[in-house]
Amino acid sequence: MTEHVLGSEVPELQLTGVSRRYGDNLAVRSIDAAIPAHKISVIVGPSGCGKSTLLRMISGLDTPTDGEVRFEGAPVRGVPEGLAMVFQDYSRSLYPWMRVDKNVAFPIRRLPAAERAERVRFAIEEVGLKGKESLYPWQMSGGMQQRVAIARALASHPRLLLMDEPFASVDAQTRADLEDLVMRIQAELGITVLVVTHDIDESVYLADRIFVLSTPPSVVAEVIDVDLPRPRDHVSTKTEPEFVRIRGHVTSLLRRPDADAEGAHGSLVASTAAGEIA
């Protein structure tokens, strides 16, 4: 853990009875969760199940219709300090007229110059872009642009990093490289990471814990602890019997009838009270 980045506060994210309705459409329903600190948690579910909606409520970009989100004990009202987010569409999140270093510095532009410069240097080196500071986003590959987006999030020294399908727009090899980058950064800095993905292999490969959502109106169908050893790699980890077993189990959960997810919700409420994520 890096004291310079994390400080002394321990992140704590709690969802209590969180629901979100858009007119007559109930997207997510009565979700209770307690996200573990200093781990990588992953939300996975079928298309349209409200994964991104849930992440937006956690980030403060959207408000629950019912229930409450708390970060470090305080209700989330707008984007809280100590939280950073990486979006799927890096091309829209970066400013094409700004160089890499200026893009990374933009969220912390009000800090004193010396501190800002040190944070930018640290973040750019952390994502492997040292020497690319003077490039513009349009001069870079998609994978490099997403590294810039991750560096910009790291420059704010987040205690909680949210990632909304961050690798969906890149090719398979770049995706694998970025997955390894996120795991390395999390291990080095000790930050809490919450990732939304539709990719089952990615969810198992990244996660210490997986939330599997049902079809909408979504509930948590099951919570799965992933006890695969770290550090992980794409060759040995993905051929381990435990990886194959968990991947198969998540796949079966995503394909089972809605009634099963409905029935699972009640058992998860009990496990939440015992300190599990639900």
C-alpha atoms as a PDB file:
ATOM      1  CA  MET A   1       0.000   0.000   0.000  1.00  0.00           C
ATOM      2  CA  THR A   2       1.273   3.462  -0.866  1.00  0.00           C
ATOM      3  CA  GLU A   3       0.665   5.987   1.910  1.00  0.00           C
ATOM      4  CA  HIS A   4       1.252   8.900  -0.478  1.00  0.00           C
ATOM      5  CA  VAL A   5      -1.762   7.850  -2.529  1.00  0.00           C
ATOM      6  CA  LEU A   6      -4.146   6.392  -0.005  1.00  0.00           C
ATOM      7  CA  GLY A   7      -3.722   8.433   3.126  1.00  0.00           C
ATOM      8  CA  SER A   8      -5.110   6.867   6.310  1.00  0.00           C
ATOM      9  CA  GLU A   9      -8.807   6.595   5.454  1.00  0.00           C
ATOM     10  CA  VAL A  10     -10.390   3.220   4.716  1.00  0.00           C
ATOM     11  CA  PRO A  11     -13.004   3.308   1.947  1.00  0.00           C
ATOM     12  CA  GLU A  12     -16.397   1.900   2.748  1.00  0.00           C
ATOM     13  CA  LEU A  13     -19.222   1.697   0.234  1.00  0.00           C
ATOM     14  CA  GLN A  14     -22.687   0.568   1.329  1.00  0.00           C
ATOM     15  CA  LEU A  15     -25.947   0.249  -0.579  1.00  0.00           C
ATOM     16  CA  THR A  16     -29.171  -0.150   1.354  1.00  0.00           C
ATOM     17  CA  GLY A  17     -32.419  -0.968  -0.434  1.00  0.00           C
ATOM     18  CA  VAL A  18     -31.245   0.789  -3.598  1.00  0.00           C
ATOM     19  CA  SER A  19     -33.800   0.920  -6.418  1.00  0.00           C
ATOM     20  CA  ARG A  20     -33.994   3.035  -9.551  1.00  0.00           C
ATOM     21  CA  ARG A  21     -37.126   3.688 -11.560  1.00  0.00           C
ATOM     22  CA  TYR A  22     -37.384   5.563 -14.861  1.00  0.00           C
ATOM     23  CA  GLY A  23     -41.064   6.353 -15.295  1.00  0.00           C
ATOM     24  CA  ASP A  24     -42.840   2.989 -15.310  1.00  0.00           C
ATOM     25  CA  ASN A  25     -39.598   1.080 -15.807  1.00  0.00           C
ATOM     26  CA  LEU A  26     -38.022  -0.357 -12.639  1.00  0.00           C
ATOM     27  CA  ALA A  27     -34.371  -0.926 -13.554  1.00  0.00           C
ATOM     28  CA  VAL A  28     -32.839  -2.172 -10.274  1.00  0.00           C
ATOM     29  CA  ARG A  29     -34.697  -3.198  -7.157  1.00  0.00           C
ATOM     30  CA  SER A  30     -33.844  -3.241  -3.440  1.00  0.00           C
ATOM     31  CA  ILE A  31     -30.127  -3.922  -3.726  1.00  0.00           C
ATOM     32  CA  ASP A  32     -28.161  -4.182  -0.475  1.00  0.00           C
ATOM     33  CA  ALA A  33     -24.373  -4.275  -0.667  1.00  0.00           C
ATOM     34  CA  ALA A  34     -21.250  -3.661   1.382  1.00  0.00           C
ATOM     35  CA  ILE A  35     -18.176  -3.403  -0.850  1.00  0.00           C
ATOM     36  CA  PRO A  36     -14.950  -4.731   0.741  1.00  0.00           C
ATOM     37  CA  ALA A  37     -12.054  -2.307   1.025  1.00  0.00           C
ATOM     38  CA  HIS A  38      -8.773  -2.747  -0.864  1.00  0.00           C
ATOM     39  CA  LYS A  39     -10.169  -5.452  -3.165  1.00  0.00           C
ATOM     40  CA  ILE A  40     -11.383  -5.711  -6.747  1.00  0.00           C
ATOM     41  CA  SER A  41     -15.128  -6.320  -6.937  1.00  0.00           C
ATOM     42  CA  VAL A  42     -16.947  -6.906 -10.217  1.00  0.00           C
ATOM     43  CA  ILE A  43     -20.589  -6.486 -11.236  1.00  0.00           C
ATOM     44  CA  VAL A  44     -21.670  -8.776 -14.056  1.00  0.00           C
ATOM     45  CA  GLY A  45     -25.099  -9.401 -15.531  1.00  0.00           C
ATOM     46  CA  PRO A  46     -27.112  -9.768 -18.720  1.00  0.00           C
ATOM     47  CA  SER A  47     -27.375  -6.890 -21.165  1.00  0.00           C
ATOM     48  CA  GLY A  48     -29.775  -4.211 -19.954  1.00  0.00           C
ATOM     49  CA  CYS A  49     -29.862  -5.422 -16.350  1.00  0.00           C
ATOM     50  CA  GLY A  50     -28.862  -2.061 -14.874  1.00  0.00           C
ATOM     51  CA  LYS A  51     -25.126  -2.567 -14.252  1.00  0.00           C
ATOM     52  CA  SER A  52     -24.200   0.917 -15.425  1.00  0.00           C
ATOM     53  CA  THR A  53     -27.253   2.407 -13.701  1.00  0.00           C
ATOM     54  CA  LEU A  54     -26.045   0.931 -10.426  1.00  0.00           C
ATOM     55  CA  LEU A  55     -22.544   2.315 -10.959  1.00  0.00           C
ATOM     56  CA  ARG A  56     -23.908   5.769 -11.745  1.00  0.00           C
ATOM     57  CA  MET A  57     -25.828   5.785  -8.448  1.00  0.00           C
ATOM     58  CA  ILE A  58     -22.715   4.686  -6.574  1.00  0.00           C
ATOM     59  CA  SER A  59     -20.721   7.483  -8.221  1.00  0.00           C
ATOM     60  CA  GLY A  60     -23.313  10.152  -7.425  1.00  0.00           C
ATOM     61  CA  LEU A  61     -24.055  10.824 -11.106  1.00  0.00           C
ATOM     62  CA  ASP A  62     -27.578   9.455 -10.593  1.00  0.00           C
ATOM     63  CA  THR A  63     -29.884   9.274  -7.575  1.00  0.00           C
ATOM     64  CA  PRO A  64     -31.747   6.187  -6.305  1.00  0.00           C
ATOM     65  CA  THR A  65     -35.527   6.318  -6.465  1.00  0.00           C
ATOM     66  CA  ASP A  66     -35.493   4.436  -3.158  1.00  0.00           C
ATOM     67  CA  GLY A  67     -32.766   3.453  -0.746  1.00  0.00           C
ATOM     68  CA  GLU A  68     -29.392   4.996  -0.050  1.00  0.00           C
ATOM     69  CA  VAL A  69     -25.746   4.825  -1.095  1.00  0.00           C
ATOM     70  CA  ARG A  70     -23.093   5.659   1.523  1.00  0.00           C
ATOM     71  CA  PHE A  71     -19.399   6.193   0.902  1.00  0.00           C
ATOM     72  CA  GLU A  72     -17.145   6.231   3.967  1.00  0.00           C
ATOM     73  CA  GLY A  73     -20.228   6.527   6.153  1.00  0.00           C
ATOM     74  CA  ALA A  74     -21.685   9.616   4.453  1.00  0.00           C
ATOM     75  CA  PRO A  75     -24.704   9.623   2.108  1.00  0.00           C
ATOM     76  CA  VAL A  76     -23.715  10.117  -1.526  1.00  0.00           C
ATOM     77  CA  ARG A  77     -25.038  13.458  -2.752  1.00  0.00           C
ATOM     78  CA  GLY A  78     -23.183  14.165  -5.957  1.00  0.00           C
ATOM     79  CA  VAL A  79     -19.724  12.796  -6.745  1.00  0.00           C
ATOM     80  CA  PRO A  80     -17.914  12.342  -3.407  1.00  0.00           C
ATOM     81  CA  GLU A  81     -14.313  13.267  -2.741  1.00  0.00           C
ATOM     82  CA  GLY A  82     -12.032  10.248  -2.944  1.00  0.00           C
ATOM     83  CA  LEU A  83     -13.907   8.643  -5.832  1.00  0.00           C
ATOM     84  CA  ALA A  84     -12.776   8.463  -9.458  1.00  0.00           C
ATOM     85  CA  MET A  85     -14.420   6.859 -12.470  1.00  0.00           C
ATOM     86  CA  VAL A  86     -13.184   5.440 -15.771  1.00  0.00           C
ATOM     87  CA  PHE A  87     -15.776   5.226 -18.538  1.00  0.00           C
ATOM     88  CA  GLN A  88     -16.079   2.837 -21.470  1.00  0.00           C
ATOM     89  CA  ASP A  89     -15.761   5.501 -24.173  1.00  0.00           C
ATOM     90  CA  TYR A  90     -12.262   6.891 -23.659  1.00  0.00           C
ATOM     91  CA  SER A  91     -12.527   8.925 -26.885  1.00  0.00           C
ATOM     92  CA  ARG A  92     -15.243  11.057 -25.321  1.00  0.00           C
ATOM     93  CA  SER A  93     -13.673  11.308 -21.873  1.00  0.00           C
ATOM     94  CA  LEU A  94     -10.373  12.746 -23.160  1.00  0.00           C
ATOM     95  CA  TYR A  95      -9.886  16.208 -24.647  1.00  0.00           C
ATOM     96  CA  PRO A  96      -8.392  15.768 -28.145  1.00  0.00           C
ATOM     97  CA  TRP A  97      -6.827  19.252 -28.135  1.00  0.00           C
ATOM     98  CA  MET A  98      -4.871  18.538 -24.916  1.00  0.00           C
ATOM     99  CA  ARG A  99      -1.608  16.613 -24.661  1.00  0.00           C
ATOM    100  CA  VAL A 100      -1.432  13.531 -22.441  1.00  0.00           C
ATOM    101  CA  ASP A 101       0.013  15.418 -19.481  1.00  0.00           C
ATOM    102  CA  LYS A 102      -2.630  18.157 -19.739  1.00  0.00           C
ATOM    103  CA  ASN A 103      -5.447  15.589 -19.941  1.00  0.00           C
ATOM    104  CA  VAL A 104      -4.146  13.824 -16.834  1.00  0.00           C
ATOM    105  CA  ALA A 105      -3.765  17.134 -14.976  1.00  0.00           C
ATOM    106  CA  PHE A 106      -7.199  18.508 -15.864  1.00  0.00           C
ATOM    107  CA  PRO A 107      -9.179  17.132 -12.858  1.00  0.00           C
ATOM    108  CA  ILE A 108      -6.510  18.410 -10.426  1.00  0.00           C
ATOM    109  CA  ARG A 109      -5.858  21.748 -12.164  1.00  0.00           C
ATOM    110  CA  ARG A 110      -6.632  23.726  -8.981  1.00  0.00           C
ATOM    111  CA  LEU A 111      -3.862  22.079  -6.954  1.00  0.00           C
ATOM    112  CA  PRO A 112      -0.541  23.899  -6.442  1.00  0.00           C
ATOM    113  CA  ALA A 113       1.709  23.533  -9.474  1.00  0.00           C
ATOM    114  CA  ALA A 114       4.391  21.427  -7.778  1.00  0.00           C
ATOM    115  CA  GLU A 115       1.921  18.937  -6.325  1.00  0.00           C
ATOM    116  CA  ARG A 116       0.004  18.767  -9.596  1.00  0.00           C
ATOM    117  CA  ALA A 117       3.187  18.036 -11.553  1.00  0.00           C
ATOM    118  CA  GLU A 118       4.197  15.266  -9.138  1.00  0.00           C
ATOM    119  CA  ARG A 119       0.785  13.600  -9.328  1.00  0.00           C
ATOM    120  CA  VAL A 120       0.781  13.730 -13.129  1.00  0.00           C
ATOM    121  CA  ARG A 121       4.293  12.267 -13.282  1.00  0.00           C
ATOM    122  CA  PHE A 122       3.353   9.466 -10.889  1.00  0.00           C
ATOM    123  CA  ALA A 123       0.110   8.587 -12.711  1.00  0.00           C
ATOM    124  CA  ILE A 124       1.661   8.580 -16.172  1.00  0.00           C
ATOM    125  CA  GLU A 125       4.509   6.331 -15.042  1.00  0.00           C
ATOM    126  CA  GLU A 126       2.081   4.040 -13.222  1.00  0.00           C
ATOM    127  CA  VAL A 127       0.165   3.265 -16.435  1.00  0.00           C
ATOM    128  CA  GLY A 128       3.308   2.829 -18.540  1.00  0.00           C
ATOM    129  CA  LEU A 129       3.122   6.029 -20.594  1.00  0.00           C
ATOM    130  CA  LYS A 130       6.383   7.670 -19.554  1.00  0.00           C
ATOM    131  CA  GLY A 131       7.776   9.444 -22.608  1.00  0.00           C
ATOM    132  CA  LYS A 132       4.326   9.879 -24.187  1.00  0.00           C
ATOM    133  CA  GLU A 133       3.434  13.051 -22.262  1.00  0.00           C
ATOM    134  CA  SER A 134       3.536  15.325 -25.321  1.00  0.00           C
ATOM    135  CA  LEU A 135       1.286  13.196 -27.531  1.00  0.00           C
ATOM    136  CA  TYR A 136      -2.325  14.066 -28.251  1.00  0.00           C
ATOM    137  CA  PRO A 137      -5.087  11.433 -27.832  1.00  0.00           C
ATOM    138  CA  TRP A 138      -5.680  11.289 -31.593  1.00  0.00           C
ATOM    139  CA  GLN A 139      -2.047  10.227 -32.047  1.00  0.00           C
ATOM    140  CA  MET A 140      -2.518   7.186 -29.781  1.00  0.00           C
ATOM    141  CA  SER A 141      -4.102   3.745 -30.056  1.00  0.00           C
ATOM    142  CA  GLY A 142      -7.324   2.938 -28.226  1.00  0.00           C
ATOM    143  CA  GLY A 143      -5.447   1.040 -25.543  1.00  0.00           C
ATOM    144  CA  MET A 144      -3.069   3.939 -24.949  1.00  0.00           C
ATOM    145  CA  GLN A 145      -5.987   6.363 -24.743  1.00  0.00           C
ATOM    146  CA  GLN A 146      -7.622   4.211 -22.079  1.00  0.00           C
ATOM    147  CA  ARG A 147      -4.324   4.204 -20.178  1.00  0.00           C
ATOM    148  CA  VAL A 148      -4.497   8.010 -20.232  1.00  0.00           C
ATOM    149  CA  ALA A 149      -8.036   7.842 -18.832  1.00  0.00           C
ATOM    150  CA  ILE A 150      -6.850   5.528 -16.038  1.00  0.00           C
ATOM    151  CA  ALA A 151      -3.895   7.827 -15.317  1.00  0.00           C
ATOM    152  CA  ARG A 152      -6.242  10.794 -15.032  1.00  0.00           C
ATOM    153  CA  ALA A 153      -8.303   8.881 -12.472  1.00  0.00           C
ATOM    154  CA  LEU A 154      -5.172   7.929 -10.511  1.00  0.00           C
ATOM    155  CA  ALA A 155      -3.918  11.529 -10.450  1.00  0.00           C
ATOM    156  CA  SER A 156      -6.828  12.437  -8.165  1.00  0.00           C
ATOM    157  CA  HIS A 157      -5.515   9.882  -5.613  1.00  0.00           C
ATOM    158  CA  PRO A 158      -8.821   7.977  -5.368  1.00  0.00           C
ATOM    159  CA  ARG A 159      -9.679   5.692  -2.515  1.00  0.00           C
ATOM    160  CA  LEU A 160     -12.417   4.126  -4.644  1.00  0.00           C
ATOM    161  CA  LEU A 161     -12.011   3.590  -8.402  1.00  0.00           C
ATOM    162  CA  LEU A 162     -15.137   2.811 -10.455  1.00  0.00           C
ATOM    163  CA  MET A 163     -14.774   1.388 -13.957  1.00  0.00           C
ATOM    164  CA  ASP A 164     -17.760   1.112 -16.313  1.00  0.00           C
ATOM    165  CA  GLU A 165     -16.982  -1.567 -18.933  1.00  0.00           C
ATOM    166  CA  PRO A 166     -13.582   0.089 -19.387  1.00  0.00           C
ATOM    167  CA  PHE A 167     -12.165  -2.386 -21.921  1.00  0.00           C
ATOM    168  CA  ALA A 168     -15.199  -3.059 -24.109  1.00  0.00           C
ATOM    169  CA  SER A 169     -13.958  -0.861 -26.969  1.00  0.00           C
ATOM    170  CA  VAL A 170     -10.472  -2.336 -27.422  1.00  0.00           C
ATOM    171  CA  ASP A 171      -9.158  -5.489 -29.101  1.00  0.00           C
ATOM    172  CA  ALA A 172      -8.649  -8.750 -27.211  1.00  0.00           C
ATOM    173  CA  GLN A 173      -4.872  -8.422 -26.675  1.00  0.00           C
ATOM    174  CA  THR A 174      -5.155  -4.813 -25.500  1.00  0.00           C
ATOM    175  CA  ARG A 175      -7.988  -5.839 -23.201  1.00  0.00           C
ATOM    176  CA  ALA A 176      -5.802  -8.510 -21.618  1.00  0.00           C
ATOM    177  CA  ASP A 177      -2.969  -6.003 -21.132  1.00  0.00           C
ATOM    178  CA  LEU A 178      -5.304  -3.451 -19.511  1.00  0.00           C
ATOM    179  CA  GLU A 179      -6.808  -6.073 -17.202  1.00  0.00           C
ATOM    180  CA  ASP A 180      -3.288  -6.884 -15.983  1.00  0.00           C
ATOM    181  CA  LEU A 181      -2.564  -3.164 -15.609  1.00  0.00           C
ATOM    182  CA  VAL A 182      -5.583  -2.653 -13.342  1.00  0.00           C
ATOM    183  CA  MET A 183      -4.652  -5.639 -11.170  1.00  0.00           C
ATOM    184  CA  ARG A 184      -1.067  -4.407 -10.834  1.00  0.00           C
ATOM    185  CA  ILE A 185      -2.162  -0.884  -9.916  1.00  0.00           C
ATOM    186  CA  GLN A 186      -4.645  -2.168  -7.355  1.00  0.00           C
ATOM    187  CA  ALA A 187      -2.028  -4.437  -5.780  1.00  0.00           C
ATOM    188  CA  GLU A 188       0.566  -1.649  -5.613  1.00  0.00           C
ATOM    189  CA  LEU A 189      -1.713   1.126  -4.330  1.00  0.00           C
ATOM    190  CA  GLY A 190      -4.247  -0.847  -2.317  1.00  0.00           C
ATOM    191  CA  ILE A 191      -7.206   1.118  -3.662  1.00  0.00           C
ATOM    192  CA  THR A 192     -10.730  -0.304  -3.765  1.00  0.00           C
ATOM    193  CA  VAL A 193     -11.831  -1.072  -7.330  1.00  0.00           C
ATOM    194  CA  LEU A 194     -15.363  -1.765  -8.564  1.00  0.00           C
ATOM    195  CA  VAL A 195     -15.688  -2.842 -12.205  1.00  0.00           C
ATOM    196  CA  VAL A 196     -18.808  -3.284 -14.334  1.00  0.00           C
ATOM    197  CA  THR A 197     -18.410  -5.748 -17.198  1.00  0.00           C
ATOM    198  CA  HIS A 198     -20.514  -7.953 -19.461  1.00  0.00           C
ATOM    199  CA  ASP A 199     -17.577 -10.323 -20.004  1.00  0.00           C
ATOM    200  CA  ILE A 200     -17.714 -13.442 -17.816  1.00  0.00           C
ATOM    201  CA  ASP A 201     -14.037 -14.378 -18.264  1.00  0.00           C
ATOM    202  CA  GLU A 202     -13.024 -10.846 -17.317  1.00  0.00           C
ATOM    203  CA  SER A 203     -15.186 -10.878 -14.206  1.00  0.00           C
ATOM    204  CA  VAL A 204     -13.561 -14.070 -12.899  1.00  0.00           C
ATOM    205  CA  TYR A 205     -10.037 -13.042 -13.899  1.00  0.00           C
ATOM    206  CA  LEU A 206     -10.160  -9.632 -12.207  1.00  0.00           C
ATOM    207  CA  ALA A 207     -12.319 -10.183  -9.159  1.00  0.00           C
ATOM    208  CA  ASP A 208     -11.868 -11.003  -5.548  1.00  0.00           C
ATOM    209  CA  ARG A 209     -15.658 -10.987  -5.418  1.00  0.00           C
ATOM    210  CA  ILE A 210     -18.365 -11.026  -8.089  1.00  0.00           C
ATOM    211  CA  PHE A 211     -21.921  -9.687  -7.912  1.00  0.00           C
ATOM    212  CA  VAL A 212     -24.122 -11.491 -10.422  1.00  0.00           C
ATOM    213  CA  LEU A 213     -27.239  -9.472 -11.302  1.00  0.00           C
ATOM    214  CA  SER A 214     -30.480 -10.929 -12.594  1.00  0.00           C
ATOM    215  CA  THR A 215     -32.552  -9.645 -15.498  1.00  0.00           C
ATOM    216  CA  PRO A 216     -34.453  -6.409 -14.729  1.00  0.00           C
ATOM    217  CA  PRO A 217     -35.842  -5.337 -12.425  1.00  0.00           C
ATOM    218  CA  SER A 218     -32.474  -6.510 -11.202  1.00  0.00           C
ATOM    219  CA  VAL A 219     -31.632  -8.099  -7.896  1.00  0.00           C
ATOM    220  CA  VAL A 220     -28.356  -9.723  -6.861  1.00  0.00           C
ATOM    221  CA  ALA A 221     -28.721 -13.328  -7.964  1.00  0.00           C
ATOM    222  CA  GLU A 222     -25.570 -14.492  -6.189  1.00  0.00           C
ATOM    223  CA  VAL A 223     -22.287 -13.297  -4.677  1.00  0.00           C
ATOM    224  CA  ILE A 224     -19.186 -15.332  -5.502  1.00  0.00           C
ATOM    225  CA  ASP A 225     -15.819 -15.173  -3.762  1.00  0.00           C
ATOM    226  CA  VAL A 226     -12.972 -15.809  -6.194  1.00  0.00           C
ATOM    227  CA  ASP A 227     -10.126 -17.496  -4.343  1.00  0.00           C
ATOM    228  CA  LEU A 228      -7.657 -17.703  -7.209  1.00  0.00           C
ATOM    229  CA  PRO A 229      -4.061 -16.887  -6.249  1.00  0.00           C
ATOM    230  CA  ARG A 230      -2.507 -13.535  -7.150  1.00  0.00           C
ATOM    231  CA  PRO A 231      -0.645 -12.400  -9.159  1.00  0.00           C
ATOM    232  CA  ARG A 232      -2.693 -13.845 -12.015  1.00  0.00           C
ATOM    233  CA  ASP A 233      -1.873 -14.295 -15.688  1.00  0.00           C
ATOM    234  CA  HIS A 234      -3.912 -15.122 -18.737  1.00  0.00           C
ATOM    235  CA  VAL A 235      -2.261 -18.478 -19.383  1.00  0.00           C
ATOM    236  CA  SER A 236      -1.994 -20.285 -16.053  1.00  0.00           C
ATOM    237  CA  THR A 237      -4.934 -18.643 -14.245  1.00  0.00           C
ATOM    238  CA  LYS A 238      -7.462 -19.302 -16.997  1.00  0.00           C
ATOM    239  CA  THR A 239      -6.529 -22.991 -17.203  1.00  0.00           C
ATOM    240  CA  GLU A 240      -6.941 -23.599 -13.467  1.00  0.00           C
ATOM    241  CA  PRO A 241      -9.878 -25.899 -12.635  1.00  0.00           C
ATOM    242  CA  GLU A 242     -11.232 -23.326 -10.154  1.00  0.00           C
ATOM    243  CA  PHE A 243     -11.312 -20.624 -12.833  1.00  0.00           C
ATOM    244  CA  VAL A 244     -13.160 -22.949 -15.194  1.00  0.00           C
ATOM    245  CA  ARG A 245     -15.601 -23.937 -12.437  1.00  0.00           C
ATOM    246  CA  ILE A 246     -16.425 -20.352 -11.461  1.00  0.00           C
ATOM    247  CA  ARG A 247     -16.762 -19.273 -15.095  1.00  0.00           C
ATOM    248  CA  GLY A 248     -19.224 -22.103 -15.697  1.00  0.00           C
ATOM    249  CA  HIS A 249     -21.193 -21.224 -12.574  1.00  0.00           C
ATOM    250  CA  VAL A 250     -21.485 -17.541 -13.501  1.00  0.00           C
ATOM    251  CA  THR A 251     -22.579 -18.540 -17.005  1.00  0.00           C
ATOM    252  CA  SER A 252     -25.310 -20.790 -15.596  1.00  0.00           C
ATOM    253  CA  LEU A 253     -26.535 -18.004 -13.302  1.00  0.00           C
ATOM    254  CA  LEU A 254     -26.871 -15.600 -16.212  1.00  0.00           C
ATOM    255  CA  ARG A 255     -28.905 -18.144 -18.175  1.00  0.00           C
ATOM    256  CA  ARG A 256     -31.297 -19.349 -15.504  1.00  0.00           C
ATOM    257  CA  PRO A 257     -34.940 -18.218 -15.261  1.00  0.00           C
ATOM    258  CA  ASP A 258     -35.857 -14.968 -13.532  1.00  0.00           C
ATOM    259  CA  ALA A 259     -37.719 -16.876 -10.820  1.00  0.00           C
ATOM    260  CA  ASP A 260     -34.451 -18.363  -9.576  1.00  0.00           C
ATOM    261  CA  ALA A 261     -32.875 -14.915  -9.229  1.00  0.00           C
ATOM    262  CA  GLU A 262     -35.980 -13.771  -7.373  1.00  0.00           C
ATOM    263  CA  GLY A 263     -35.632 -16.648  -4.944  1.00  0.00           C
ATOM    264  CA  ALA A 264     -31.929 -16.040  -4.469  1.00  0.00           C
ATOM    265  CA  HIS A 265     -32.501 -12.463  -3.345  1.00  0.00           C
ATOM    266  CA  GLY A 266     -33.909 -13.417   0.040  1.00  0.00           C
ATOM    267  CA  SER A 267     -30.961 -15.629   0.958  1.00  0.00           C
ATOM    268  CA  LEU A 268     -28.532 -12.839   0.092  1.00  0.00           C
ATOM    269  CA  VAL A 269     -30.166 -10.420   2.507  1.00  0.00           C
ATOM    270  CA  ALA A 270     -29.247 -12.771   5.315  1.00  0.00           C
ATOM    271  CA  SER A 271     -25.653 -13.046   4.138  1.00  0.00           C
ATOM    272  CA  THR A 272     -25.413  -9.250   4.001  1.00  0.00           C
ATOM    273  CA  ALA A 273     -26.179  -9.049   7.701  1.00  0.00           C
ATOM    274  CA  ALA A 274     -23.262 -11.375   8.287  1.00  0.00           C
ATOM    275  CA  GLY A 275     -20.908  -9.029   6.457  1.00  0.00           C
ATOM    276  CA  GLU A 276     -21.147 -10.423   2.925  1.00  0.00           C
ATOM    277  CA  ILE A 277     -21.854  -8.426  -0.192  1.00  0.00           C
ATOM    278  CA  ALA A 278     -25.411  -8.813  -1.396  1.00  0.00           C
END
